[in-house]
PDB file of N, CA and C in Angstrom:
ATOM      1  N   MET A   1     -26.375  -8.044-103.446  1.00  0.00           N
ATOM      2  CA  MET A   1     -26.049  -7.004-102.509  1.00  0.00           C
ATOM      3  C   MET A   1     -25.390  -7.648-101.290  1.00  0.00           C
ATOM      4  N   LEU A   2     -24.360  -7.014-100.798  1.00  0.00           N
ATOM      5  CA  LEU A   2     -23.642  -7.479 -99.624  1.00  0.00           C
ATOM      6  C   LEU A   2     -23.865  -6.482 -98.499  1.00  0.00           C
ATOM      7  N   VAL A   3     -24.313  -6.980 -97.348  1.00  0.00           N
ATOM      8  CA  VAL A   3     -24.522  -6.136 -96.174  1.00  0.00           C
ATOM      9  C   VAL A   3     -23.585  -6.618 -95.087  1.00  0.00           C
ATOM     10  N   VAL A   4     -22.825  -5.693 -94.530  1.00  0.00           N
ATOM     11  CA  VAL A   4     -21.854  -6.039 -93.499  1.00  0.00           C
ATOM     12  C   VAL A   4     -22.245  -5.341 -92.201  1.00  0.00           C
ATOM     13  N   GLY A   5     -22.163  -6.073 -91.112  1.00  0.00           N
ATOM     14  CA  GLY A   5     -22.464  -5.506 -89.798  1.00  0.00           C
ATOM     15  C   GLY A   5     -21.476  -6.055 -88.793  1.00  0.00           C
ATOM     16  N   PRO A   6     -21.598  -5.659 -87.549  1.00  0.00           N
ATOM     17  CA  PRO A   6     -20.699  -6.166 -86.516  1.00  0.00           C
ATOM     18  C   PRO A   6     -20.790  -7.685 -86.371  1.00  0.00           C
ATOM     19  N   ARG A   7     -19.694  -8.292 -85.982  1.00  0.00           N
ATOM     20  CA  ARG A   7     -19.649  -9.738 -85.781  1.00  0.00           C
ATOM     21  C   ARG A   7     -20.663 -10.143 -84.718  1.00  0.00           C
ATOM     22  N   GLY A   8     -21.329 -11.242 -84.947  1.00  0.00           N
ATOM     23  CA  GLY A   8     -22.242 -11.774 -83.952  1.00  0.00           C
ATOM     24  C   GLY A   8     -23.699 -11.387 -84.141  1.00  0.00           C
ATOM     25  N   LEU A   9     -23.995 -10.461 -85.044  1.00  0.00           N
ATOM     26  CA  LEU A   9     -25.399 -10.102 -85.246  1.00  0.00           C
ATOM     27  C   LEU A   9     -26.158 -11.296 -85.793  1.00  0.00           C
ATOM     28  N   ALA A  10     -27.369 -11.475 -85.291  1.00  0.00           N
ATOM     29  CA  ALA A  10     -28.230 -12.519 -85.847  1.00  0.00           C
ATOM     30  C   ALA A  10     -28.622 -12.093 -87.256  1.00  0.00           C
ATOM     31  N   PRO A  11     -28.802 -13.032 -88.170  1.00  0.00           N
ATOM     32  CA  PRO A  11     -29.158 -12.676 -89.547  1.00  0.00           C
ATOM     33  C   PRO A  11     -30.416 -11.797 -89.595  1.00  0.00           C
ATOM     34  N   ARG A  12     -30.320 -10.698 -90.308  1.00  0.00           N
ATOM     35  CA  ARG A  12     -31.413  -9.740 -90.516  1.00  0.00           C
ATOM     36  C   ARG A  12     -31.946  -9.154 -89.206  1.00  0.00           C
ATOM     37  N   LYS A  13     -31.087  -9.060 -88.192  1.00  0.00           N
ATOM     38  CA  LYS A  13     -31.461  -8.470 -86.902  1.00  0.00           C
ATOM     39  C   LYS A  13     -30.455  -7.391 -86.531  1.00  0.00           C
ATOM     40  N   ARG A  14     -30.839  -6.510 -85.628  1.00  0.00           N
ATOM     41  CA  ARG A  14     -29.931  -5.467 -85.134  1.00  0.00           C
ATOM     42  C   ARG A  14     -29.233  -5.880 -83.841  1.00  0.00           C
ATOM     43  N   TYR A  15     -29.488  -7.091 -83.391  1.00  0.00           N
ATOM     44  CA  TYR A  15     -28.941  -7.597 -82.134  1.00  0.00           C
ATOM     45  C   TYR A  15     -28.297  -8.957 -82.371  1.00  0.00           C
ATOM     46  N   SER A  16     -27.383  -9.315 -81.495  1.00  0.00           N
ATOM     47  CA  SER A  16     -26.778 -10.645 -81.564  1.00  0.00           C
ATOM     48  C   SER A  16     -27.754 -11.673 -81.007  1.00  0.00           C
ATOM     49  N   GLY A  17     -27.508 -12.924 -81.344  1.00  0.00           N
ATOM     50  CA  GLY A  17     -28.325 -13.986 -80.781  1.00  0.00           C
ATOM     51  C   GLY A  17     -28.229 -14.021 -79.266  1.00  0.00           C
ATOM     52  N   ALA A  18     -27.041 -13.716 -78.730  1.00  0.00           N
ATOM     53  CA  ALA A  18     -26.852 -13.705 -77.281  1.00  0.00           C
ATOM     54  C   ALA A  18     -27.701 -12.610 -76.633  1.00  0.00           C
ATOM     55  N   ALA A  19     -27.732 -11.411 -77.228  1.00  0.00           N
ATOM     56  CA  ALA A  19     -28.545 -10.316 -76.690  1.00  0.00           C
ATOM     57  C   ALA A  19     -30.028 -10.659 -76.770  1.00  0.00           C
ATOM     58  N   ILE A  20     -30.427 -11.304 -77.853  1.00  0.00           N
ATOM     59  CA  ILE A  20     -31.831 -11.713 -77.990  1.00  0.00           C
ATOM     60  C   ILE A  20     -32.173 -12.748 -76.927  1.00  0.00           C
ATOM     61  N   GLY A  21     -31.295 -13.722 -76.719  1.00  0.00           N
ATOM     62  CA  GLY A  21     -31.523 -14.727 -75.683  1.00  0.00           C
ATOM     63  C   GLY A  21     -31.633 -14.100 -74.304  1.00  0.00           C
ATOM     64  N   LEU A  22     -30.772 -13.127 -74.013  1.00  0.00           N
ATOM     65  CA  LEU A  22     -30.839 -12.427 -72.729  1.00  0.00           C
ATOM     66  C   LEU A  22     -32.152 -11.670 -72.587  1.00  0.00           C
ATOM     67  N   ALA A  23     -32.546 -10.960 -73.628  1.00  0.00           N
ATOM     68  CA  ALA A  23     -33.790 -10.188 -73.574  1.00  0.00           C
ATOM     69  C   ALA A  23     -34.998 -11.103 -73.349  1.00  0.00           C
ATOM     70  N   LEU A  24     -35.047 -12.216 -74.055  1.00  0.00           N
ATOM     71  CA  LEU A  24     -36.171 -13.150 -73.874  1.00  0.00           C
ATOM     72  C   LEU A  24     -36.175 -13.723 -72.464  1.00  0.00           C
ATOM     73  N   ALA A  25     -34.987 -14.023 -71.931  1.00  0.00           N
ATOM     74  CA  ALA A  25     -34.903 -14.575 -70.571  1.00  0.00           C
ATOM     75  C   ALA A  25     -35.344 -13.544 -69.533  1.00  0.00           C
ATOM     76  N   LEU A  26     -34.881 -12.316 -69.673  1.00  0.00           N
ATOM     77  CA  LEU A  26     -35.278 -11.280 -68.712  1.00  0.00           C
ATOM     78  C   LEU A  26     -36.785 -11.075 -68.742  1.00  0.00           C
ATOM     79  N   TRP A  27     -37.353 -11.054 -69.930  1.00  0.00           N
ATOM     80  CA  TRP A  27     -38.782 -10.827 -70.095  1.00  0.00           C
ATOM     81  C   TRP A  27     -39.610 -12.003 -69.584  1.00  0.00           C
ATOM     82  N   ALA A  28     -39.219 -13.210 -69.989  1.00  0.00           N
ATOM     83  CA  ALA A  28     -40.063 -14.372 -69.724  1.00  0.00           C
ATOM     84  C   ALA A  28     -39.716 -15.111 -68.439  1.00  0.00           C
ATOM     85  N   LEU A  29     -38.454 -15.237 -68.122  1.00  0.00           N
ATOM     86  CA  LEU A  29     -38.076 -16.025 -66.943  1.00  0.00           C
ATOM     87  C   LEU A  29     -38.079 -15.210 -65.655  1.00  0.00           C
ATOM     88  N   THR A  30     -37.740 -13.921 -65.760  1.00  0.00           N
ATOM     89  CA  THR A  30     -37.736 -13.093 -64.550  1.00  0.00           C
ATOM     90  C   THR A  30     -38.995 -12.247 -64.427  1.00  0.00           C
ATOM     91  N   GLY A  31     -39.790 -12.175 -65.514  1.00  0.00           N
ATOM     92  CA  GLY A  31     -41.007 -11.367 -65.477  1.00  0.00           C
ATOM     93  C   GLY A  31     -40.749  -9.873 -65.547  1.00  0.00           C
ATOM     94  N   MET A  32     -39.567  -9.495 -65.990  1.00  0.00           N
ATOM     95  CA  MET A  32     -39.224  -8.077 -66.083  1.00  0.00           C
ATOM     96  C   MET A  32     -40.134  -7.388 -67.111  1.00  0.00           C
ATOM     97  N   PRO A  33     -40.664  -6.206 -66.791  1.00  0.00           N
ATOM     98  CA  PRO A  33     -41.500  -5.473 -67.753  1.00  0.00           C
ATOM     99  C   PRO A  33     -40.699  -5.106 -69.006  1.00  0.00           C
ATOM    100  N   GLU A  34     -41.389  -5.031 -70.136  1.00  0.00           N
ATOM    101  CA  GLU A  34     -40.728  -4.771 -71.407  1.00  0.00           C
ATOM    102  C   GLU A  34     -39.886  -3.497 -71.417  1.00  0.00           C
ATOM    103  N   PRO A  35     -40.357  -2.373 -70.873  1.00  0.00           N
ATOM    104  CA  PRO A  35     -39.498  -1.185 -70.872  1.00  0.00           C
ATOM    105  C   PRO A  35     -38.193  -1.394 -70.089  1.00  0.00           C
ATOM    106  N   LYS A  36     -38.245  -2.170 -69.010  1.00  0.00           N
ATOM    107  CA  LYS A  36     -37.030  -2.450 -68.230  1.00  0.00           C
ATOM    108  C   LYS A  36     -36.074  -3.349 -69.017  1.00  0.00           C
ATOM    109  N   VAL A  37     -36.636  -4.322 -69.753  1.00  0.00           N
ATOM    110  CA  VAL A  37     -35.794  -5.169 -70.604  1.00  0.00           C
ATOM    111  C   VAL A  37     -35.112  -4.295 -71.653  1.00  0.00           C
ATOM    112  N   PHE A  38     -35.873  -3.380 -72.245  1.00  0.00           N
ATOM    113  CA  PHE A  38     -35.319  -2.482 -73.253  1.00  0.00           C
ATOM    114  C   PHE A  38     -34.183  -1.653 -72.664  1.00  0.00           C
ATOM    115  N   GLU A  39     -34.370  -1.147 -71.449  1.00  0.00           N
ATOM    116  CA  GLU A  39     -33.314  -0.360 -70.803  1.00  0.00           C
ATOM    117  C   GLU A  39     -32.048  -1.178 -70.591  1.00  0.00           C
ATOM    118  N   ARG A  40     -32.199  -2.472 -70.313  1.00  0.00           N
ATOM    119  CA  ARG A  40     -31.040  -3.334 -70.055  1.00  0.00           C
ATOM    120  C   ARG A  40     -30.354  -3.798 -71.338  1.00  0.00           C
ATOM    121  N   VAL A  41     -31.141  -4.058 -72.393  1.00  0.00           N
ATOM    122  CA  VAL A  41     -30.599  -4.702 -73.580  1.00  0.00           C
ATOM    123  C   VAL A  41     -30.603  -3.790 -74.807  1.00  0.00           C
ATOM    124  N   GLY A  42     -31.550  -2.879 -74.878  1.00  0.00           N
ATOM    125  CA  GLY A  42     -31.703  -2.029 -76.057  1.00  0.00           C
ATOM    126  C   GLY A  42     -30.492  -1.157 -76.326  1.00  0.00           C
ATOM    127  N   VAL A  43     -30.309  -0.823 -77.582  1.00  0.00           N
ATOM    128  CA  VAL A  43     -29.163  -0.008 -77.987  1.00  0.00           C
ATOM    129  C   VAL A  43     -29.552   1.432 -78.293  1.00  0.00           C
ATOM    130  N   TYR A  44     -30.816   1.744 -78.226  1.00  0.00           N
ATOM    131  CA  TYR A  44     -31.314   3.083 -78.497  1.00  0.00           C
ATOM    132  C   TYR A  44     -31.915   3.663 -77.221  1.00  0.00           C
ATOM    133  N   PRO A  45     -32.109   4.968 -77.166  1.00  0.00           N
ATOM    134  CA  PRO A  45     -32.787   5.553 -75.996  1.00  0.00           C
ATOM    135  C   PRO A  45     -34.225   5.029 -75.890  1.00  0.00           C
ATOM    136  N   LEU A  46     -34.696   4.899 -74.669  1.00  0.00           N
ATOM    137  CA  LEU A  46     -36.058   4.431 -74.426  1.00  0.00           C
ATOM    138  C   LEU A  46     -37.045   5.430 -75.000  1.00  0.00           C
ATOM    139  N   SER A  47     -37.943   4.950 -75.837  1.00  0.00           N
ATOM    140  CA  SER A  47     -38.933   5.837 -76.451  1.00  0.00           C
ATOM    141  C   SER A  47     -40.258   5.726 -75.706  1.00  0.00           C
ATOM    142  N   PRO A  48     -41.086   6.757 -75.793  1.00  0.00           N
ATOM    143  CA  PRO A  48     -42.414   6.685 -75.165  1.00  0.00           C
ATOM    144  C   PRO A  48     -43.260   5.538 -75.724  1.00  0.00           C
ATOM    145  N   THR A  49     -43.028   5.180 -76.984  1.00  0.00           N
ATOM    146  CA  THR A  49     -43.776   4.074 -77.587  1.00  0.00           C
ATOM    147  C   THR A  49     -43.504   2.769 -76.843  1.00  0.00           C
ATOM    148  N   VAL A  50     -42.247   2.521 -76.515  1.00  0.00           N
ATOM    149  CA  VAL A  50     -41.895   1.295 -75.782  1.00  0.00           C
ATOM    150  C   VAL A  50     -42.523   1.323 -74.399  1.00  0.00           C
ATOM    151  N   GLU A  51     -42.528   2.482 -73.770  1.00  0.00           N
ATOM    152  CA  GLU A  51     -43.123   2.586 -72.434  1.00  0.00           C
ATOM    153  C   GLU A  51     -44.613   2.301 -72.454  1.00  0.00           C
ATOM    154  N   VAL A  52     -45.298   2.709 -73.521  1.00  0.00           N
ATOM    155  CA  VAL A  52     -46.754   2.546 -73.602  1.00  0.00           C
ATOM    156  C   VAL A  52     -47.144   1.202 -74.214  1.00  0.00           C
ATOM    157  N   GLN A  53     -46.527   0.844 -75.335  1.00  0.00           N
ATOM    158  CA  GLN A  53     -46.944  -0.337 -76.089  1.00  0.00           C
ATOM    159  C   GLN A  53     -46.076  -1.563 -75.842  1.00  0.00           C
ATOM    160  N   GLY A  54     -44.956  -1.401 -75.156  1.00  0.00           N
ATOM    161  CA  GLY A  54     -44.042  -2.512 -74.944  1.00  0.00           C
ATOM    162  C   GLY A  54     -43.028  -2.593 -76.077  1.00  0.00           C
ATOM    163  N   TRP A  55     -42.076  -3.474 -75.909  1.00  0.00           N
ATOM    164  CA  TRP A  55     -41.016  -3.646 -76.900  1.00  0.00           C
ATOM    165  C   TRP A  55     -41.431  -4.743 -77.862  1.00  0.00           C
ATOM    166  N   ARG A  56     -41.930  -4.354 -79.015  1.00  0.00           N
ATOM    167  CA  ARG A  56     -42.468  -5.307 -79.990  1.00  0.00           C
ATOM    168  C   ARG A  56     -41.434  -6.314 -80.476  1.00  0.00           C
ATOM    169  N   SER A  57     -40.167  -5.953 -80.431  1.00  0.00           N
ATOM    170  CA  SER A  57     -39.130  -6.882 -80.887  1.00  0.00           C
ATOM    171  C   SER A  57     -39.135  -8.181 -80.094  1.00  0.00           C
ATOM    172  N   LEU A  58     -39.509  -8.124 -78.818  1.00  0.00           N
ATOM    173  CA  LEU A  58     -39.565  -9.351 -78.014  1.00  0.00           C
ATOM    174  C   LEU A  58     -40.527 -10.350 -78.626  1.00  0.00           C
ATOM    175  N   ARG A  59     -41.671  -9.883 -79.082  1.00  0.00           N
ATOM    176  CA  ARG A  59     -42.640 -10.786 -79.709  1.00  0.00           C
ATOM    177  C   ARG A  59     -42.179 -11.240 -81.091  1.00  0.00           C
ATOM    178  N   ARG A  60     -41.543 -10.349 -81.839  1.00  0.00           N
ATOM    179  CA  ARG A  60     -41.014 -10.741 -83.161  1.00  0.00           C
ATOM    180  C   ARG A  60     -39.925 -11.789 -83.005  1.00  0.00           C
ATOM    181  N   TRP A  61     -39.006 -11.562 -82.055  1.00  0.00           N
ATOM    182  CA  TRP A  61     -37.932 -12.536 -81.839  1.00  0.00           C
ATOM    183  C   TRP A  61     -38.481 -13.869 -81.361  1.00  0.00           C
ATOM    184  N   THR A  62     -39.494 -13.809 -80.504  1.00  0.00           N
ATOM    185  CA  THR A  62     -40.114 -15.051 -80.035  1.00  0.00           C
ATOM    186  C   THR A  62     -40.726 -15.805 -81.201  1.00  0.00           C
ATOM    187  N   ALA A  63     -41.459 -15.108 -82.057  1.00  0.00           N
ATOM    188  CA  ALA A  63     -42.070 -15.758 -83.225  1.00  0.00           C
ATOM    189  C   ALA A  63     -40.994 -16.340 -84.134  1.00  0.00           C
ATOM    190  N   ASP A  64     -39.896 -15.620 -84.328  1.00  0.00           N
ATOM    191  CA  ASP A  64     -38.800 -16.137 -85.160  1.00  0.00           C
ATOM    192  C   ASP A  64     -38.171 -17.378 -84.534  1.00  0.00           C
ATOM    193  N   ALA A  65     -37.998 -17.368 -83.223  1.00  0.00           N
ATOM    194  CA  ALA A  65     -37.419 -18.526 -82.551  1.00  0.00           C
ATOM    195  C   ALA A  65     -38.364 -19.717 -82.597  1.00  0.00           C
ATOM    196  N   VAL A  66     -39.653 -19.467 -82.396  1.00  0.00           N
ATOM    197  CA  VAL A  66     -40.637 -20.556 -82.430  1.00  0.00           C
ATOM    198  C   VAL A  66     -40.675 -21.200 -83.813  1.00  0.00           C
ATOM    199  N   SER A  67     -40.556 -20.383 -84.857  1.00  0.00           N
ATOM    200  CA  SER A  67     -40.602 -20.915 -86.217  1.00  0.00           C
ATOM    201  C   SER A  67     -39.303 -21.591 -86.628  1.00  0.00           C
ATOM    202  N   GLY A  68     -38.243 -21.405 -85.836  1.00  0.00           N
ATOM    203  CA  GLY A  68     -36.956 -21.994 -86.168  1.00  0.00           C
ATOM    204  C   GLY A  68     -36.059 -21.063 -86.970  1.00  0.00           C
ATOM    205  N   ALA A  69     -36.484 -19.817 -87.189  1.00  0.00           N
ATOM    206  CA  ALA A  69     -35.686 -18.887 -87.986  1.00  0.00           C
ATOM    207  C   ALA A  69     -34.443 -18.391 -87.243  1.00  0.00           C
ATOM    208  N   LEU A  70     -34.500 -18.258 -85.929  1.00  0.00           N
ATOM    209  CA  LEU A  70     -33.327 -17.792 -85.163  1.00  0.00           C
ATOM    210  C   LEU A  70     -32.402 -18.942 -84.808  1.00  0.00           C
ATOM    211  N   TRP A  71     -32.936 -19.953 -84.203  1.00  0.00           N
ATOM    212  CA  TRP A  71     -32.177 -21.139 -83.830  1.00  0.00           C
ATOM    213  C   TRP A  71     -32.948 -22.345 -84.368  1.00  0.00           C
ATOM    214  N   PRO A  72     -32.580 -22.829 -85.555  1.00  0.00           N
ATOM    215  CA  PRO A  72     -33.365 -23.892 -86.200  1.00  0.00           C
ATOM    216  C   PRO A  72     -33.598 -25.124 -85.330  1.00  0.00           C
ATOM    217  N   GLY A  73     -32.689 -25.457 -84.457  1.00  0.00           N
ATOM    218  CA  GLY A  73     -32.856 -26.623 -83.609  1.00  0.00           C
ATOM    219  C   GLY A  73     -33.855 -26.428 -82.476  1.00  0.00           C
ATOM    220  N   LEU A  74     -34.328 -25.191 -82.270  1.00  0.00           N
ATOM    221  CA  LEU A  74     -35.222 -24.912 -81.145  1.00  0.00           C
ATOM    222  C   LEU A  74     -36.663 -24.702 -81.560  1.00  0.00           C
ATOM    223  N   CYS A  75     -37.038 -25.117 -82.726  1.00  0.00           N
ATOM    224  CA  CYS A  75     -38.409 -24.940 -83.200  1.00  0.00           C
ATOM    225  C   CYS A  75     -39.348 -25.620 -82.199  1.00  0.00           C
ATOM    226  N   MET A  76     -40.122 -24.809 -81.457  1.00  0.00           N
ATOM    227  CA  MET A  76     -40.925 -25.375 -80.375  1.00  0.00           C
ATOM    228  C   MET A  76     -42.250 -24.651 -80.210  1.00  0.00           C
ATOM    229  N   HIS A  77     -43.192 -24.953 -81.072  1.00  0.00           N
ATOM    230  CA  HIS A  77     -44.506 -24.315 -80.991  1.00  0.00           C
ATOM    231  C   HIS A  77     -45.440 -25.172 -80.138  1.00  0.00           C
ATOM    232  N   VAL A  78     -46.096 -24.524 -79.194  1.00  0.00           N
ATOM    233  CA  VAL A  78     -47.096 -25.190 -78.364  1.00  0.00           C
ATOM    234  C   VAL A  78     -48.392 -24.397 -78.515  1.00  0.00           C
ATOM    235  N   GLN A  79     -49.436 -25.062 -78.991  1.00  0.00           N
ATOM    236  CA  GLN A  79     -50.726 -24.393 -79.213  1.00  0.00           C
ATOM    237  C   GLN A  79     -51.223 -23.741 -77.933  1.00  0.00           C
ATOM    238  N   GLY A  80     -51.773 -22.546 -78.082  1.00  0.00           N
ATOM    239  CA  GLY A  80     -52.402 -21.869 -76.964  1.00  0.00           C
ATOM    240  C   GLY A  80     -51.454 -21.139 -76.034  1.00  0.00           C
ATOM    241  N   SER A  81     -50.161 -21.138 -76.337  1.00  0.00           N
ATOM    242  CA  SER A  81     -49.198 -20.447 -75.478  1.00  0.00           C
ATOM    243  C   SER A  81     -49.114 -18.977 -75.852  1.00  0.00           C
ATOM    244  N   THR A  82     -48.837 -18.152 -74.855  1.00  0.00           N
ATOM    245  CA  THR A  82     -48.618 -16.731 -75.105  1.00  0.00           C
ATOM    246  C   THR A  82     -47.182 -16.532 -75.589  1.00  0.00           C
ATOM    247  N   TYR A  83     -46.900 -15.335 -76.108  1.00  0.00           N
ATOM    248  CA  TYR A  83     -45.533 -15.034 -76.511  1.00  0.00           C
ATOM    249  C   TYR A  83     -44.572 -15.197 -75.336  1.00  0.00           C
ATOM    250  N   ARG A  84     -44.983 -14.722 -74.179  1.00  0.00           N
ATOM    251  CA  ARG A  84     -44.099 -14.796 -73.011  1.00  0.00           C
ATOM    252  C   ARG A  84     -43.858 -16.251 -72.617  1.00  0.00           C
ATOM    253  N   GLN A  85     -44.863 -17.109 -72.700  1.00  0.00           N
ATOM    254  CA  GLN A  85     -44.674 -18.527 -72.389  1.00  0.00           C
ATOM    255  C   GLN A  85     -43.721 -19.185 -73.385  1.00  0.00           C
ATOM    256  N   HIS A  86     -43.904 -18.869 -74.679  1.00  0.00           N
ATOM    257  CA  HIS A  86     -42.970 -19.382 -75.693  1.00  0.00           C
ATOM    258  C   HIS A  86     -41.554 -18.894 -75.399  1.00  0.00           C
ATOM    259  N   ALA A  87     -41.422 -17.597 -75.107  1.00  0.00           N
ATOM    260  CA  ALA A  87     -40.098 -17.020 -74.829  1.00  0.00           C
ATOM    261  C   ALA A  87     -39.457 -17.696 -73.624  1.00  0.00           C
ATOM    262  N   GLY A  88     -40.252 -18.036 -72.620  1.00  0.00           N
ATOM    263  CA  GLY A  88     -39.724 -18.727 -71.450  1.00  0.00           C
ATOM    264  C   GLY A  88     -39.156 -20.085 -71.796  1.00  0.00           C
ATOM    265  N   ARG A  89     -39.865 -20.838 -72.628  1.00  0.00           N
ATOM    266  CA  ARG A  89     -39.363 -22.152 -73.054  1.00  0.00           C
ATOM    267  C   ARG A  89     -38.084 -21.996 -73.884  1.00  0.00           C
ATOM    268  N   ILE A  90     -38.075 -21.006 -74.760  1.00  0.00           N
ATOM    269  CA  ILE A  90     -36.899 -20.774 -75.596  1.00  0.00           C
ATOM    270  C   ILE A  90     -35.707 -20.396 -74.723  1.00  0.00           C
ATOM    271  N   ALA A  91     -35.905 -19.447 -73.809  1.00  0.00           N
ATOM    272  CA  ALA A  91     -34.809 -18.998 -72.942  1.00  0.00           C
ATOM    273  C   ALA A  91     -34.297 -20.137 -72.066  1.00  0.00           C
ATOM    274  N   ALA A  92     -35.191 -20.946 -71.533  1.00  0.00           N
ATOM    275  CA  ALA A  92     -34.771 -22.073 -70.704  1.00  0.00           C
ATOM    276  C   ALA A  92     -33.971 -23.086 -71.529  1.00  0.00           C
ATOM    277  N   THR A  93     -34.379 -23.303 -72.757  1.00  0.00           N
ATOM    278  CA  THR A  93     -33.645 -24.214 -73.634  1.00  0.00           C
ATOM    279  C   THR A  93     -32.274 -23.646 -73.968  1.00  0.00           C
ATOM    280  N   LEU A  94     -32.225 -22.345 -74.265  1.00  0.00           N
ATOM    281  CA  LEU A  94     -30.935 -21.703 -74.543  1.00  0.00           C
ATOM    282  C   LEU A  94     -30.013 -21.811 -73.335  1.00  0.00           C
ATOM    283  N   ALA A  95     -30.557 -21.652 -72.143  1.00  0.00           N
ATOM    284  CA  ALA A  95     -29.747 -21.749 -70.926  1.00  0.00           C
ATOM    285  C   ALA A  95     -29.075 -23.118 -70.835  1.00  0.00           C
ATOM    286  N   GLY A  96     -29.725 -24.132 -71.373  1.00  0.00           N
ATOM    287  CA  GLY A  96     -29.143 -25.475 -71.373  1.00  0.00           C
ATOM    288  C   GLY A  96     -27.912 -25.609 -72.256  1.00  0.00           C
ATOM    289  N   PHE A  97     -27.705 -24.683 -73.180  1.00  0.00           N
ATOM    290  CA  PHE A  97     -26.518 -24.700 -74.037  1.00  0.00           C
ATOM    291  C   PHE A  97     -25.335 -23.974 -73.412  1.00  0.00           C
ATOM    292  N   ALA A  98     -25.535 -23.356 -72.242  1.00  0.00           N
ATOM    293  CA  ALA A  98     -24.450 -22.626 -71.591  1.00  0.00           C
ATOM    294  C   ALA A  98     -23.316 -23.587 -71.257  1.00  0.00           C
ATOM    295  N   PRO A  99     -22.079 -23.117 -71.376  1.00  0.00           N
ATOM    296  CA  PRO A  99     -20.940 -24.002 -71.096  1.00  0.00           C
ATOM    297  C   PRO A  99     -20.950 -24.571 -69.683  1.00  0.00           C
ATOM    298  N   ASP A 100     -21.341 -23.775 -68.701  1.00  0.00           N
ATOM    299  CA  ASP A 100     -21.415 -24.251 -67.321  1.00  0.00           C
ATOM    300  C   ASP A 100     -22.831 -23.997 -66.821  1.00  0.00           C
ATOM    301  N   PRO A 101     -23.687 -25.008 -66.836  1.00  0.00           N
ATOM    302  CA  PRO A 101     -25.092 -24.807 -66.479  1.00  0.00           C
ATOM    303  C   PRO A 101     -25.326 -24.496 -65.001  1.00  0.00           C
ATOM    304  N   GLU A 102     -24.282 -24.498 -64.188  1.00  0.00           N
ATOM    305  CA  GLU A 102     -24.440 -24.234 -62.760  1.00  0.00           C
ATOM    306  C   GLU A 102     -24.054 -22.811 -62.366  1.00  0.00           C
ATOM    307  N   VAL A 103     -23.490 -22.049 -63.290  1.00  0.00           N
ATOM    308  CA  VAL A 103     -22.958 -20.725 -62.963  1.00  0.00           C
ATOM    309  C   VAL A 103     -23.891 -19.631 -63.477  1.00  0.00           C
ATOM    310  N   GLY A 104     -24.177 -18.662 -62.609  1.00  0.00           N
ATOM    311  CA  GLY A 104     -24.940 -17.494 -63.024  1.00  0.00           C
ATOM    312  C   GLY A 104     -26.440 -17.708 -62.973  1.00  0.00           C
ATOM    313  N   SER A 105     -27.156 -16.616 -63.241  1.00  0.00           N
ATOM    314  CA  SER A 105     -28.614 -16.664 -63.267  1.00  0.00           C
ATOM    315  C   SER A 105     -29.087 -17.356 -64.548  1.00  0.00           C
ATOM    316  N   LYS A 106     -30.371 -17.684 -64.594  1.00  0.00           N
ATOM    317  CA  LYS A 106     -30.917 -18.283 -65.810  1.00  0.00           C
ATOM    318  C   LYS A 106     -30.775 -17.332 -66.988  1.00  0.00           C
ATOM    319  N   ALA A 107     -30.948 -16.037 -66.738  1.00  0.00           N
ATOM    320  CA  ALA A 107     -30.804 -15.057 -67.820  1.00  0.00           C
ATOM    321  C   ALA A 107     -29.369 -15.042 -68.344  1.00  0.00           C
ATOM    322  N   ALA A 108     -28.402 -15.100 -67.441  1.00  0.00           N
ATOM    323  CA  ALA A 108     -26.999 -15.131 -67.868  1.00  0.00           C
ATOM    324  C   ALA A 108     -26.697 -16.407 -68.634  1.00  0.00           C
ATOM    325  N   ARG A 109     -27.243 -17.522 -68.165  1.00  0.00           N
ATOM    326  CA  ARG A 109     -27.018 -18.784 -68.873  1.00  0.00           C
ATOM    327  C   ARG A 109     -27.687 -18.770 -70.240  1.00  0.00           C
ATOM    328  N   ALA A 110     -28.858 -18.120 -70.373  1.00  0.00           N
ATOM    329  CA  ALA A 110     -29.508 -18.002 -71.686  1.00  0.00           C
ATOM    330  C   ALA A 110     -28.641 -17.176 -72.625  1.00  0.00           C
ATOM    331  N   PHE A 111     -28.013 -16.117 -72.107  1.00  0.00           N
ATOM    332  CA  PHE A 111     -27.103 -15.290 -72.910  1.00  0.00           C
ATOM    333  C   PHE A 111     -25.964 -16.143 -73.450  1.00  0.00           C
ATOM    334  N   PHE A 112     -25.271 -16.847 -72.554  1.00  0.00           N
ATOM    335  CA  PHE A 112     -24.130 -17.659 -72.984  1.00  0.00           C
ATOM    336  C   PHE A 112     -24.583 -18.853 -73.814  1.00  0.00           C
ATOM    337  N   GLY A 113     -25.728 -19.425 -73.465  1.00  0.00           N
ATOM    338  CA  GLY A 113     -26.235 -20.547 -74.244  1.00  0.00           C
ATOM    339  C   GLY A 113     -26.591 -20.154 -75.663  1.00  0.00           C
ATOM    340  N   ALA A 114     -27.135 -18.961 -75.836  1.00  0.00           N
ATOM    341  CA  ALA A 114     -27.480 -18.489 -77.181  1.00  0.00           C
ATOM    342  C   ALA A 114     -26.234 -18.335 -78.042  1.00  0.00           C
ATOM    343  N   LYS A 115     -25.107 -18.036 -77.407  1.00  0.00           N
ATOM    344  CA  LYS A 115     -23.858 -17.929 -78.153  1.00  0.00           C
ATOM    345  C   LYS A 115     -23.389 -19.297 -78.648  1.00  0.00           C
ATOM    346  N   HIS A 116     -23.813 -20.348 -77.954  1.00  0.00           N
ATOM    347  CA  HIS A 116     -23.374 -21.697 -78.315  1.00  0.00           C
ATOM    348  C   HIS A 116     -24.419 -22.511 -79.063  1.00  0.00           C
ATOM    349  N   ALA A 117     -25.660 -22.039 -79.066  1.00  0.00           N
ATOM    350  CA  ALA A 117     -26.717 -22.766 -79.787  1.00  0.00           C
ATOM    351  C   ALA A 117     -26.468 -22.657 -81.288  1.00  0.00           C
ATOM    352  N   ARG A 118     -26.726 -23.715 -81.966  1.00  0.00           N
ATOM    353  CA  ARG A 118     -26.520 -23.715 -83.428  1.00  0.00           C
ATOM    354  C   ARG A 118     -27.572 -22.861 -84.113  1.00  0.00           C
ATOM    355  N   ARG A 119     -27.106 -22.081 -85.073  1.00  0.00           N
ATOM    356  CA  ARG A 119     -28.031 -21.264 -85.851  1.00  0.00           C
ATOM    357  C   ARG A 119     -28.289 -21.857 -87.223  1.00  0.00           C
ATOM    358  N   GLY A 120     -27.960 -23.070 -87.412  1.00  0.00           N
ATOM    359  CA  GLY A 120     -28.294 -23.682 -88.683  1.00  0.00           C
ATOM    360  C   GLY A 120     -27.138 -24.067 -89.508  1.00  0.00           C
TER     361      GLY A 120
END
């Protein structure tokens, strides 16, 4: 079976790696609440479920990144860390891949860095 989607989508995801990197950075590095991250990055209308339970995709993406499924070179599990702590390390590492590490916020650098990080 062949599945075709827009250019840049992460494998088996509805978002690009850059959008995922931005979402993780906003959530973990800036401390933005999950519903606000969803409003900034999400492609669907904000649902009451996200407002009450949070945006579960942030934790799924973090787990995928920690396991090396999103960015194989960033496999970085630290025992006892929360999802948000893992996401912070991932976003900070992605920011290091940005073409100009001195320009923009850390979240912006994580976005651009995710576009340049190797996916395997």
